[in-house]
Amino acid sequence: MQQPYLFTKNMMLIYIMRVEVYLYVFTNFQFFLMIMRSIMKFIYTTLAALLFSVSMGASAYVLEGKQVVVPKDIMQYCAGANNFWVCVQSQEMLRGD
């Protein structure tokens, strides 16, 4: 008759050590993931701030442009054009302004 499987003292220690190793690896992996998430959040935040500042710089450049006065007759003529500013420039060239 086969005896039931019993843990010996050494087998129990080996089993406990294995569990401790698994827990150690798992917790360190979780720590690694936590660090990587923090690094990725920092990178994403930095890139978003950089892109936002570039966007603000570009809009400030556009807003800083010179004031344009379009004559009323050219404004009415070019109102339905596909490209308003190209039409305005061509009409100004034709008028000699």
Protein backbone atom coordinates (compact mmCIF):
# COMPACT_ATOMS: atom_id res chain seq x y z
CA MET A 1 0.00 0.00 0.00
CA GLN A 2 1.33 3.42 -0.97
CA GLN A 3 1.85 5.90 1.81
CA PRO A 4 0.18 9.27 1.56
CA TYR A 5 2.36 12.07 0.29
CA LEU A 6 3.72 13.95 3.25
CA PHE A 7 5.85 17.02 3.28
CA THR A 8 9.12 16.50 4.94
CA LYS A 9 10.79 19.36 6.71
CA ASN A 10 13.18 19.95 3.80
CA MET A 11 10.42 19.76 1.21
CA MET A 12 8.38 22.28 3.16
CA LEU A 13 11.34 24.66 3.34
CA ILE A 14 11.94 24.31 -0.40
CA TYR A 15 8.25 24.96 -1.07
CA ILE A 16 8.26 28.05 1.16
CA MET A 17 11.44 29.32 -0.48
CA ARG A 18 9.87 28.89 -3.91
CA VAL A 19 6.81 30.87 -2.84
CA GLU A 20 9.04 33.58 -1.41
CA VAL A 21 11.01 33.75 -4.66
CA TYR A 22 7.80 34.01 -6.69
CA LEU A 23 6.49 36.74 -4.41
CA TYR A 24 9.82 38.57 -4.55
CA VAL A 25 9.91 38.44 -8.34
CA PHE A 26 6.25 39.43 -8.61
CA THR A 27 6.57 42.38 -6.24
CA ASN A 28 9.74 43.55 -7.94
CA PHE A 29 8.02 43.28 -11.32
CA GLN A 30 5.11 45.31 -9.97
CA PHE A 31 7.62 47.86 -8.67
CA PHE A 32 9.28 47.90 -12.10
CA LEU A 33 5.90 48.50 -13.77
CA MET A 34 5.13 51.28 -11.31
CA ILE A 35 8.45 52.98 -12.10
CA MET A 36 7.91 52.56 -15.85
CA ARG A 37 4.41 54.04 -15.59
CA SER A 38 5.82 57.04 -13.74
CA ILE A 39 8.52 57.51 -16.37
CA MET A 40 6.00 57.25 -19.21
CA LYS A 41 3.67 59.75 -17.50
CA PHE A 42 6.60 62.15 -17.17
CA ILE A 43 7.50 61.71 -20.85
CA TYR A 44 3.89 62.18 -22.00
CA THR A 45 3.43 65.25 -19.80
CA THR A 46 6.68 66.77 -21.04
CA LEU A 47 5.76 66.15 -24.69
CA ALA A 48 2.28 67.58 -24.17
CA ALA A 49 3.73 70.71 -22.55
CA LEU A 50 6.28 71.04 -25.35
CA LEU A 51 3.64 70.68 -28.07
CA PHE A 52 1.37 73.12 -26.26
CA SER A 53 4.15 75.71 -26.01
CA VAL A 54 4.98 75.27 -29.71
CA SER A 55 1.31 75.69 -30.54
CA MET A 56 1.07 78.84 -28.44
CA GLY A 57 4.22 80.19 -30.08
CA ALA A 58 2.80 79.59 -33.54
CA SER A 59 -0.51 81.24 -32.69
CA ALA A 60 1.33 84.19 -31.15
CA TYR A 61 3.27 84.55 -34.40
CA VAL A 62 0.04 84.49 -36.40
CA LEU A 63 -1.62 87.01 -34.09
CA GLU A 64 1.41 89.28 -34.24
CA GLY A 65 1.09 89.77 -38.00
CA LYS A 66 0.45 93.14 -39.56
CA GLN A 67 -3.00 94.61 -39.79
CA VAL A 68 -4.64 94.07 -43.16
CA VAL A 69 -7.19 96.47 -44.57
CA VAL A 70 -9.20 95.00 -47.42
CA PRO A 71 -11.12 97.53 -49.52
CA LYS A 72 -14.88 97.09 -49.53
CA ASP A 73 -15.20 96.42 -53.29
CA ILE A 74 -12.48 93.71 -53.20
CA MET A 75 -14.10 92.24 -50.08
CA GLN A 76 -17.43 91.94 -51.90
CA TYR A 77 -15.81 90.56 -55.07
CA CYS A 78 -13.76 87.90 -53.24
CA ALA A 79 -16.42 86.90 -50.69
CA GLY A 80 -17.42 83.78 -52.64
CA ALA A 81 -13.93 82.82 -53.84
CA ASN A 82 -12.40 79.44 -53.02
CA ASN A 83 -9.30 81.09 -51.55
CA PHE A 84 -10.12 84.52 -50.19
CA TRP A 85 -6.56 85.77 -49.68
CA VAL A 86 -5.36 84.67 -53.12
CA CYS A 87 -8.30 86.51 -54.64
CA VAL A 88 -7.54 89.62 -52.56
CA GLN A 89 -3.88 89.58 -53.61
CA SER A 90 -4.73 89.13 -57.29
CA GLN A 91 -7.30 91.95 -57.17
CA GLU A 92 -4.81 94.24 -55.44
CA MET A 93 -2.21 93.44 -58.12
CA LEU A 94 -4.76 94.20 -60.85
CA ARG A 95 -5.68 97.50 -59.18
CA GLY A 96 -2.04 98.39 -58.63
CA ASP A 97 -2.33 98.89 -54.85
